Amino acid sequence: MAQMDRKTYWREVRKRTAWLLVIWFIVGYVLSIFLVEPLNTLKIAGVPMGFWMAQQGSIMIFILLILAYAIMMGKLDRAAGVEEDAGTTAPPSQAH
């Protein structure tokens, strides 16, 4: 598999990060703050969805976004040939 160049790699990193930030903004702000009243008309287990999104949903989505970022960056690093092998990184005391 051909490795991608540095410019392509960082363009992909920025693009993927931007998409995840857009999702975070929509869930964290739009659904949890701006659209809370319309969402409160829906119920999840007897709890208004707007309240649920602000209290639980946005946190769960944030954790899923972190997981998605780690998986996507791992795949991108492998495709670019810059992944870290276990045991090739220096321990913290020898990093400097």
PDB file of N, CA and C in Angstrom:
ATOM      1  N   MET A   1       0.850  -1.179   0.000  1.00  0.00           N
ATOM      2  CA  MET A   1       0.000   0.000   0.000  1.00  0.00           C
ATOM      3  C   MET A   1       0.893   1.239   0.000  1.00  0.00           C
ATOM      4  N   ALA A   2       0.620   2.181  -0.866  1.00  0.00           N
ATOM      5  CA  ALA A   2       1.403   3.406  -0.945  1.00  0.00           C
ATOM      6  C   ALA A   2       1.063   4.322   0.223  1.00  0.00           C
ATOM      7  N   GLN A   3       2.114   4.932   0.767  1.00  0.00           N
ATOM      8  CA  GLN A   3       1.902   5.859   1.876  1.00  0.00           C
ATOM      9  C   GLN A   3       1.495   7.220   1.335  1.00  0.00           C
ATOM     10  N   MET A   4       0.680   7.914   2.117  1.00  0.00           N
ATOM     11  CA  MET A   4       0.253   9.241   1.687  1.00  0.00           C
ATOM     12  C   MET A   4       1.283  10.276   2.119  1.00  0.00           C
ATOM     13  N   ASP A   5       1.314  11.393   1.424  1.00  0.00           N
ATOM     14  CA  ASP A   5       2.270  12.431   1.777  1.00  0.00           C
ATOM     15  C   ASP A   5       1.774  13.229   2.990  1.00  0.00           C
ATOM     16  N   ARG A   6       2.662  14.012   3.555  1.00  0.00           N
ATOM     17  CA  ARG A   6       2.385  14.769   4.780  1.00  0.00           C
ATOM     18  C   ARG A   6       1.202  15.727   4.619  1.00  0.00           C
ATOM     19  N   LYS A   7       1.133  16.410   3.494  1.00  0.00           N
ATOM     20  CA  LYS A   7       0.057  17.376   3.258  1.00  0.00           C
ATOM     21  C   LYS A   7      -1.304  16.681   3.222  1.00  0.00           C
ATOM     22  N   THR A   8      -1.386  15.552   2.542  1.00  0.00           N
ATOM     23  CA  THR A   8      -2.635  14.789   2.467  1.00  0.00           C
ATOM     24  C   THR A   8      -3.024  14.267   3.839  1.00  0.00           C
ATOM     25  N   TYR A   9      -2.046  13.777   4.587  1.00  0.00           N
ATOM     26  CA  TYR A   9      -2.309  13.258   5.934  1.00  0.00           C
ATOM     27  C   TYR A   9      -2.937  14.337   6.815  1.00  0.00           C
ATOM     28  N   TRP A  10      -2.326  15.510   6.869  1.00  0.00           N
ATOM     29  CA  TRP A  10      -2.847  16.567   7.744  1.00  0.00           C
ATOM     30  C   TRP A  10      -4.167  17.144   7.248  1.00  0.00           C
ATOM     31  N   ARG A  11      -4.378  17.133   5.942  1.00  0.00           N
ATOM     32  CA  ARG A  11      -5.678  17.560   5.424  1.00  0.00           C
ATOM     33  C   ARG A  11      -6.762  16.600   5.908  1.00  0.00           C
ATOM     34  N   GLU A  12      -6.476  15.299   5.878  1.00  0.00           N
ATOM     35  CA  GLU A  12      -7.425  14.302   6.368  1.00  0.00           C
ATOM     36  C   GLU A  12      -7.665  14.444   7.873  1.00  0.00           C
ATOM     37  N   VAL A  13      -6.603  14.690   8.629  1.00  0.00           N
ATOM     38  CA  VAL A  13      -6.749  14.884  10.079  1.00  0.00           C
ATOM     39  C   VAL A  13      -7.662  16.078  10.353  1.00  0.00           C
ATOM     40  N   ARG A  14      -7.417  17.197   9.687  1.00  0.00           N
ATOM     41  CA  ARG A  14      -8.244  18.401   9.890  1.00  0.00           C
ATOM     42  C   ARG A  14      -9.688  18.162   9.466  1.00  0.00           C
ATOM     43  N   LYS A  15      -9.897  17.472   8.354  1.00  0.00           N
ATOM     44  CA  LYS A  15     -11.250  17.210   7.863  1.00  0.00           C
ATOM     45  C   LYS A  15     -12.027  16.341   8.847  1.00  0.00           C
ATOM     46  N   ARG A  16     -11.413  15.278   9.309  1.00  0.00           N
ATOM     47  CA  ARG A  16     -12.094  14.378  10.250  1.00  0.00           C
ATOM     48  C   ARG A  16     -12.354  15.063  11.586  1.00  0.00           C
ATOM     49  N   THR A  17     -11.393  15.829  12.053  1.00  0.00           N
ATOM     50  CA  THR A  17     -11.576  16.564  13.309  1.00  0.00           C
ATOM     51  C   THR A  17     -12.694  17.586  13.171  1.00  0.00           C
ATOM     52  N   ALA A  18     -12.754  18.272  12.043  1.00  0.00           N
ATOM     53  CA  ALA A  18     -13.814  19.263  11.823  1.00  0.00           C
ATOM     54  C   ALA A  18     -15.194  18.611  11.838  1.00  0.00           C
ATOM     55  N   TRP A  19     -15.336  17.455  11.197  1.00  0.00           N
ATOM     56  CA  TRP A  19     -16.635  16.770  11.194  1.00  0.00           C
ATOM     57  C   TRP A  19     -17.048  16.353  12.602  1.00  0.00           C
ATOM     58  N   LEU A  20     -16.100  15.847  13.373  1.00  0.00           N
ATOM     59  CA  LEU A  20     -16.427  15.450  14.747  1.00  0.00           C
ATOM     60  C   LEU A  20     -16.797  16.663  15.597  1.00  0.00           C
ATOM     61  N   LEU A  21     -16.140  17.797  15.367  1.00  0.00           N
ATOM     62  CA  LEU A  21     -16.492  19.016  16.092  1.00  0.00           C
ATOM     63  C   LEU A  21     -17.878  19.522  15.700  1.00  0.00           C
ATOM     64  N   VAL A  22     -18.240  19.367  14.439  1.00  0.00           N
ATOM     65  CA  VAL A  22     -19.587  19.755  14.002  1.00  0.00           C
ATOM     66  C   VAL A  22     -20.635  18.894  14.700  1.00  0.00           C
ATOM     67  N   ILE A  23     -20.390  17.594  14.767  1.00  0.00           N
ATOM     68  CA  ILE A  23     -21.330  16.701  15.462  1.00  0.00           C
ATOM     69  C   ILE A  23     -21.419  17.081  16.935  1.00  0.00           C
ATOM     70  N   TRP A  24     -20.264  17.344  17.560  1.00  0.00           N
ATOM     71  CA  TRP A  24     -20.238  17.751  18.962  1.00  0.00           C
ATOM     72  C   TRP A  24     -21.044  19.035  19.178  1.00  0.00           C
ATOM     73  N   PHE A  25     -20.879  20.018  18.292  1.00  0.00           N
ATOM     74  CA  PHE A  25     -21.612  21.277  18.417  1.00  0.00           C
ATOM     75  C   PHE A  25     -23.117  21.047  18.288  1.00  0.00           C
ATOM     76  N   ILE A  26     -23.514  20.253  17.307  1.00  0.00           N
ATOM     77  CA  ILE A  26     -24.943  19.995  17.103  1.00  0.00           C
ATOM     78  C   ILE A  26     -25.551  19.319  18.325  1.00  0.00           C
ATOM     79  N   VAL A  27     -24.889  18.288  18.825  1.00  0.00           N
ATOM     80  CA  VAL A  27     -25.433  17.559  19.975  1.00  0.00           C
ATOM     81  C   VAL A  27     -25.311  18.373  21.257  1.00  0.00           C
ATOM     82  N   GLY A  28     -24.145  18.957  21.480  1.00  0.00           N
ATOM     83  CA  GLY A  28     -23.885  19.655  22.730  1.00  0.00           C
ATOM     84  C   GLY A  28     -24.600  20.977  22.873  1.00  0.00           C
ATOM     85  N   TYR A  29     -24.753  21.712  21.788  1.00  0.00           N
ATOM     86  CA  TYR A  29     -25.367  23.030  21.870  1.00  0.00           C
ATOM     87  C   TYR A  29     -26.757  23.076  21.254  1.00  0.00           C
ATOM     88  N   VAL A  30     -26.858  22.652  20.009  1.00  0.00           N
ATOM     89  CA  VAL A  30     -28.137  22.785  19.306  1.00  0.00           C
ATOM     90  C   VAL A  30     -29.215  21.929  19.967  1.00  0.00           C
ATOM     91  N   LEU A  31     -28.944  20.637  20.148  1.00  0.00           N
ATOM     92  CA  LEU A  31     -29.961  19.757  20.728  1.00  0.00           C
ATOM     93  C   LEU A  31     -30.128  19.962  22.230  1.00  0.00           C
ATOM     94  N   SER A  32     -29.039  20.237  22.933  1.00  0.00           N
ATOM     95  CA  SER A  32     -29.103  20.319  24.391  1.00  0.00           C
ATOM     96  C   SER A  32     -29.485  21.698  24.917  1.00  0.00           C
ATOM     97  N   ILE A  33     -29.337  22.743  24.115  1.00  0.00           N
ATOM     98  CA  ILE A  33     -29.630  24.095  24.597  1.00  0.00           C
ATOM     99  C   ILE A  33     -30.689  24.775  23.727  1.00  0.00           C
ATOM    100  N   PHE A  34     -30.396  24.920  22.442  1.00  0.00           N
ATOM    101  CA  PHE A  34     -31.268  25.707  21.580  1.00  0.00           C
ATOM    102  C   PHE A  34     -32.601  25.028  21.277  1.00  0.00           C
ATOM    103  N   LEU A  35     -32.605  23.712  21.149  1.00  0.00           N
ATOM    104  CA  LEU A  35     -33.844  22.996  20.812  1.00  0.00           C
ATOM    105  C   LEU A  35     -34.411  22.209  21.989  1.00  0.00           C
ATOM    106  N   VAL A  36     -34.083  22.626  23.202  1.00  0.00           N
ATOM    107  CA  VAL A  36     -34.515  21.872  24.368  1.00  0.00           C
ATOM    108  C   VAL A  36     -36.039  21.875  24.517  1.00  0.00           C
ATOM    109  N   GLU A  37     -36.703  22.975  24.260  1.00  0.00           N
ATOM    110  CA  GLU A  37     -38.159  23.040  24.420  1.00  0.00           C
ATOM    111  C   GLU A  37     -38.894  22.107  23.456  1.00  0.00           C
ATOM    112  N   PRO A  38     -38.576  22.135  22.146  1.00  0.00           N
ATOM    113  CA  PRO A  38     -39.251  21.181  21.254  1.00  0.00           C
ATOM    114  C   PRO A  38     -38.930  19.721  21.597  1.00  0.00           C
ATOM    115  N   LEU A  39     -37.699  19.460  22.024  1.00  0.00           N
ATOM    116  CA  LEU A  39     -37.332  18.091  22.376  1.00  0.00           C
ATOM    117  C   LEU A  39     -38.029  17.626  23.647  1.00  0.00           C
ATOM    118  N   ASN A  40     -38.396  18.545  24.519  1.00  0.00           N
ATOM    119  CA  ASN A  40     -39.062  18.172  25.762  1.00  0.00           C
ATOM    120  C   ASN A  40     -40.464  17.605  25.525  1.00  0.00           C
ATOM    121  N   THR A  41     -41.003  17.778  24.319  1.00  0.00           N
ATOM    122  CA  THR A  41     -42.312  17.189  24.017  1.00  0.00           C
ATOM    123  C   THR A  41     -42.205  15.675  23.840  1.00  0.00           C
ATOM    124  N   LEU A  42     -40.996  15.182  23.551  1.00  0.00           N
ATOM    125  CA  LEU A  42     -40.738  13.747  23.439  1.00  0.00           C
ATOM    126  C   LEU A  42     -40.258  13.223  24.787  1.00  0.00           C
ATOM    127  N   LYS A  43     -40.583  11.986  25.071  1.00  0.00           N
ATOM    128  CA  LYS A  43     -40.185  11.390  26.350  1.00  0.00           C
ATOM    129  C   LYS A  43     -39.353  10.130  26.112  1.00  0.00           C
ATOM    130  N   ILE A  44     -38.332   9.938  26.944  1.00  0.00           N
ATOM    131  CA  ILE A  44     -37.536   8.715  26.975  1.00  0.00           C
ATOM    132  C   ILE A  44     -37.677   8.163  28.384  1.00  0.00           C
ATOM    133  N   ALA A  45     -38.358   7.036  28.518  1.00  0.00           N
ATOM    134  CA  ALA A  45     -38.619   6.412  29.826  1.00  0.00           C
ATOM    135  C   ALA A  45     -39.243   7.407  30.794  1.00  0.00           C
ATOM    136  N   GLY A  46     -40.146   8.239  30.299  1.00  0.00           N
ATOM    137  CA  GLY A  46     -40.843   9.195  31.146  1.00  0.00           C
ATOM    138  C   GLY A  46     -40.086  10.488  31.404  1.00  0.00           C
ATOM    139  N   VAL A  47     -38.883  10.625  30.838  1.00  0.00           N
ATOM    140  CA  VAL A  47     -38.067  11.822  31.040  1.00  0.00           C
ATOM    141  C   VAL A  47     -38.092  12.642  29.752  1.00  0.00           C
ATOM    142  N   PRO A  48     -38.290  13.968  29.845  1.00  0.00           N
ATOM    143  CA  PRO A  48     -38.276  14.794  28.632  1.00  0.00           C
ATOM    144  C   PRO A  48     -36.940  14.669  27.886  1.00  0.00           C
ATOM    145  N   MET A  49     -37.009  14.503  26.567  1.00  0.00           N
ATOM    146  CA  MET A  49     -35.804  14.263  25.779  1.00  0.00           C
ATOM    147  C   MET A  49     -34.827  15.440  25.838  1.00  0.00           C
ATOM    148  N   GLY A  50     -35.308  16.658  25.896  1.00  0.00           N
ATOM    149  CA  GLY A  50     -34.415  17.810  26.006  1.00  0.00           C
ATOM    150  C   GLY A  50     -33.581  17.744  27.269  1.00  0.00           C
ATOM    151  N   PHE A  51     -34.226  17.403  28.368  1.00  0.00           N
ATOM    152  CA  PHE A  51     -33.514  17.237  29.642  1.00  0.00           C
ATOM    153  C   PHE A  51     -32.537  16.072  29.543  1.00  0.00           C
ATOM    154  N   TRP A  52     -32.992  14.965  28.962  1.00  0.00           N
ATOM    155  CA  TRP A  52     -32.137  13.791  28.822  1.00  0.00           C
ATOM    156  C   TRP A  52     -30.905  14.097  27.976  1.00  0.00           C
ATOM    157  N   MET A  53     -31.088  14.824  26.861  1.00  0.00           N
ATOM    158  CA  MET A  53     -29.951  15.172  25.998  1.00  0.00           C
ATOM    159  C   MET A  53     -28.952  16.042  26.747  1.00  0.00           C
ATOM    160  N   ALA A  54     -29.455  17.000  27.536  1.00  0.00           N
ATOM    161  CA  ALA A  54     -28.560  17.886  28.267  1.00  0.00           C
ATOM    162  C   ALA A  54     -27.814  17.140  29.372  1.00  0.00           C
ATOM    163  N   GLN A  55     -28.465  16.174  29.998  1.00  0.00           N
ATOM    164  CA  GLN A  55     -27.863  15.491  31.136  1.00  0.00           C
ATOM    165  C   GLN A  55     -27.093  14.228  30.761  1.00  0.00           C
ATOM    166  N   GLN A  56     -27.612  13.427  29.864  1.00  0.00           N
ATOM    167  CA  GLN A  56     -26.996  12.136  29.555  1.00  0.00           C
ATOM    168  C   GLN A  56     -26.575  12.010  28.096  1.00  0.00           C
ATOM    169  N   GLY A  57     -27.435  12.400  27.197  1.00  0.00           N
ATOM    170  CA  GLY A  57     -27.193  12.176  25.775  1.00  0.00           C
ATOM    171  C   GLY A  57     -25.948  12.856  25.260  1.00  0.00           C
ATOM    172  N   SER A  58     -25.732  14.111  25.634  1.00  0.00           N
ATOM    173  CA  SER A  58     -24.561  14.819  25.128  1.00  0.00           C
ATOM    174  C   SER A  58     -23.273  14.211  25.663  1.00  0.00           C
ATOM    175  N   ILE A  59     -23.286  13.716  26.891  1.00  0.00           N
ATOM    176  CA  ILE A  59     -22.099  13.062  27.449  1.00  0.00           C
ATOM    177  C   ILE A  59     -21.833  11.750  26.728  1.00  0.00           C
ATOM    178  N   MET A  60     -22.885  10.979  26.486  1.00  0.00           N
ATOM    179  CA  MET A  60     -22.710   9.706  25.782  1.00  0.00           C
ATOM    180  C   MET A  60     -22.196   9.929  24.366  1.00  0.00           C
ATOM    181  N   ILE A  61     -22.737  10.922  23.686  1.00  0.00           N
ATOM    182  CA  ILE A  61     -22.278  11.233  22.327  1.00  0.00           C
ATOM    183  C   ILE A  61     -20.825  11.695  22.356  1.00  0.00           C
ATOM    184  N   PHE A  62     -20.442  12.492  23.351  1.00  0.00           N
ATOM    185  CA  PHE A  62     -19.061  12.954  23.473  1.00  0.00           C
ATOM    186  C   PHE A  62     -18.112  11.767  23.631  1.00  0.00           C
ATOM    187  N   ILE A  63     -18.469  10.804  24.457  1.00  0.00           N
ATOM    188  CA  ILE A  63     -17.639   9.611  24.638  1.00  0.00           C
ATOM    189  C   ILE A  63     -17.549   8.828  23.326  1.00  0.00           C
ATOM    190  N   LEU A  64     -18.661   8.707  22.616  1.00  0.00           N
ATOM    191  CA  LEU A  64     -18.638   8.021  21.316  1.00  0.00           C
ATOM    192  C   LEU A  64     -17.773   8.768  20.305  1.00  0.00           C
ATOM    193  N   LEU A  65     -17.770  10.095  20.360  1.00  0.00           N
ATOM    194  CA  LEU A  65     -16.926  10.876  19.453  1.00  0.00           C
ATOM    195  C   LEU A  65     -15.447  10.653  19.753  1.00  0.00           C
ATOM    196  N   ILE A  66     -15.094  10.539  21.031  1.00  0.00           N
ATOM    197  CA  ILE A  66     -13.707  10.248  21.395  1.00  0.00           C
ATOM    198  C   ILE A  66     -13.300   8.882  20.853  1.00  0.00           C
ATOM    199  N   LEU A  67     -14.168   7.898  21.014  1.00  0.00           N
ATOM    200  CA  LEU A  67     -13.906   6.561  20.491  1.00  0.00           C
ATOM    201  C   LEU A  67     -13.771   6.588  18.967  1.00  0.00           C
ATOM    202  N   ALA A  68     -14.686   7.283  18.300  1.00  0.00           N
ATOM    203  CA  ALA A  68     -14.635   7.385  16.836  1.00  0.00           C
ATOM    204  C   ALA A  68     -13.336   8.057  16.399  1.00  0.00           C
ATOM    205  N   TYR A  69     -12.913   9.104  17.097  1.00  0.00           N
ATOM    206  CA  TYR A  69     -11.667   9.799  16.760  1.00  0.00           C
ATOM    207  C   TYR A  69     -10.479   8.853  16.876  1.00  0.00           C
ATOM    208  N   ALA A  70     -10.421   8.099  17.971  1.00  0.00           N
ATOM    209  CA  ALA A  70      -9.305   7.168  18.169  1.00  0.00           C
ATOM    210  C   ALA A  70      -9.265   6.110  17.071  1.00  0.00           C
ATOM    211  N   ILE A  71     -10.417   5.566  16.722  1.00  0.00           N
ATOM    212  CA  ILE A  71     -10.471   4.539  15.671  1.00  0.00           C
ATOM    213  C   ILE A  71     -10.097   5.133  14.319  1.00  0.00           C
ATOM    214  N   MET A  72     -10.683   6.286  13.987  1.00  0.00           N
ATOM    215  CA  MET A  72     -10.397   6.912  12.682  1.00  0.00           C
ATOM    216  C   MET A  72      -8.931   7.309  12.565  1.00  0.00           C
ATOM    217  N   MET A  73      -8.348   7.860  13.618  1.00  0.00           N
ATOM    218  CA  MET A  73      -6.948   8.281  13.543  1.00  0.00           C
ATOM    219  C   MET A  73      -6.020   7.068  13.491  1.00  0.00           C
ATOM    220  N   GLY A  74      -6.391   5.979  14.161  1.00  0.00           N
ATOM    221  CA  GLY A  74      -5.599   4.759  14.061  1.00  0.00           C
ATOM    222  C   GLY A  74      -5.559   4.231  12.637  1.00  0.00           C
ATOM    223  N   LYS A  75      -6.723   4.216  11.994  1.00  0.00           N
ATOM    224  CA  LYS A  75      -6.789   3.761  10.594  1.00  0.00           C
ATOM    225  C   LYS A  75      -6.006   4.700   9.680  1.00  0.00           C
ATOM    226  N   LEU A  76      -6.142   6.005   9.913  1.00  0.00           N
ATOM    227  CA  LEU A  76      -5.426   6.973   9.085  1.00  0.00           C
ATOM    228  C   LEU A  76      -3.921   6.853   9.295  1.00  0.00           C
ATOM    229  N   ASP A  77      -3.492   6.674  10.538  1.00  0.00           N
ATOM    230  CA  ASP A  77      -2.064   6.496  10.810  1.00  0.00           C
ATOM    231  C   ASP A  77      -1.513   5.260  10.117  1.00  0.00           C
ATOM    232  N   ARG A  78      -2.272   4.166  10.146  1.00  0.00           N
ATOM    233  CA  ARG A  78      -1.834   2.947   9.461  1.00  0.00           C
ATOM    234  C   ARG A  78      -1.749   3.181   7.953  1.00  0.00           C
ATOM    235  N   ALA A  79      -2.745   3.873   7.405  1.00  0.00           N
ATOM    236  CA  ALA A  79      -2.740   4.148   5.959  1.00  0.00           C
ATOM    237  C   ALA A  79      -1.565   5.044   5.568  1.00  0.00           C
ATOM    238  N   ALA A  80      -1.172   5.939   6.476  1.00  0.00           N
ATOM    239  CA  ALA A  80      -0.071   6.855   6.185  1.00  0.00           C
ATOM    240  C   ALA A  80       1.280   6.261   6.547  1.00  0.00           C
ATOM    241  N   GLY A  81       1.263   5.126   7.257  1.00  0.00           N
ATOM    242  CA  GLY A  81       2.513   4.495   7.650  1.00  0.00           C
ATOM    243  C   GLY A  81       3.189   5.160   8.826  1.00  0.00           C
ATOM    244  N   VAL A  82       2.417   5.830   9.685  1.00  0.00           N
ATOM    245  CA  VAL A  82       2.995   6.529  10.835  1.00  0.00           C
ATOM    246  C   VAL A  82       2.467   5.992  12.166  1.00  0.00           C
ATOM    247  N   GLU A  83       1.894   4.789  12.154  1.00  0.00           N
ATOM    248  CA  GLU A  83       1.355   4.235  13.397  1.00  0.00           C
ATOM    249  C   GLU A  83       2.493   3.862  14.335  1.00  0.00           C
ATOM    250  N   GLU A  84       2.184   3.861  15.631  1.00  0.00           N
ATOM    251  CA  GLU A  84       3.162   3.484  16.640  1.00  0.00           C
ATOM    252  C   GLU A  84       3.067   1.984  16.877  1.00  0.00           C
ATOM    253  N   ASP A  85       4.198   1.333  16.912  1.00  0.00           N
ATOM    254  CA  ASP A  85       4.245  -0.082  17.250  1.00  0.00           C
ATOM    255  C   ASP A  85       4.379  -0.201  18.761  1.00  0.00           C
ATOM    256  N   ALA A  86       3.781  -1.221  19.326  1.00  0.00           N
ATOM    257  CA  ALA A  86       3.922  -1.446  20.765  1.00  0.00           C
ATOM    258  C   ALA A  86       5.388  -1.714  21.069  1.00  0.00           C
ATOM    259  N   GLY A  87       5.917  -1.013  22.037  1.00  0.00           N
ATOM    260  CA  GLY A  87       7.297  -1.239  22.435  1.00  0.00           C
ATOM    261  C   GLY A  87       8.309  -0.354  21.731  1.00  0.00           C
ATOM    262  N   THR A  88       7.911   0.414  20.726  1.00  0.00           N
ATOM    263  CA  THR A  88       8.876   1.284  20.042  1.00  0.00           C
ATOM    264  C   THR A  88       8.881   2.688  20.610  1.00  0.00           C
ATOM    265  N   THR A  89       7.927   2.994  21.476  1.00  0.00           N
ATOM    266  CA  THR A  89       7.912   4.321  22.083  1.00  0.00           C
ATOM    267  C   THR A  89       8.780   4.316  23.337  1.00  0.00           C
ATOM    268  N   ALA A  90       9.418   5.415  23.618  1.00  0.00           N
ATOM    269  CA  ALA A  90      10.287   5.520  24.793  1.00  0.00           C
ATOM    270  C   ALA A  90       9.436   5.723  26.034  1.00  0.00           C
ATOM    271  N   PRO A  91       9.877   5.171  27.167  1.00  0.00           N
ATOM    272  CA  PRO A  91       9.163   5.436  28.407  1.00  0.00           C
ATOM    273  C   PRO A  91       9.246   6.921  28.742  1.00  0.00           C
ATOM    274  N   PRO A  92       8.336   7.433  29.562  1.00  0.00           N
ATOM    275  CA  PRO A  92       8.314   8.867  29.860  1.00  0.00           C
ATOM    276  C   PRO A  92       9.650   9.409  30.369  1.00  0.00           C
ATOM    277  N   SER A  93      10.391   8.627  31.142  1.00  0.00           N
ATOM    278  CA  SER A  93      11.657   9.119  31.680  1.00  0.00           C
ATOM    279  C   SER A  93      12.708   9.305  30.594  1.00  0.00           C
ATOM    280  N   GLN A  94      12.584   8.617  29.457  1.00  0.00           N
ATOM    281  CA  GLN A  94      13.576   8.723  28.380  1.00  0.00           C
ATOM    282  C   GLN A  94      13.055   9.528  27.191  1.00  0.00           C
ATOM    283  N   ALA A  95      11.907  10.167  27.353  1.00  0.00           N
ATOM    284  CA  ALA A  95      11.310  10.867  26.220  1.00  0.00           C
ATOM    285  C   ALA A  95      12.055  12.144  25.873  1.00  0.00           C
ATOM    286  N   HIS A  96      12.756  12.728  26.800  1.00  0.00           N
ATOM    287  CA  HIS A  96      13.427  14.008  26.515  1.00  0.00           C
ATOM    288  C   HIS A  96      14.881  13.802  26.353  1.00  0.00           C
TER     289      HIS A  96
END
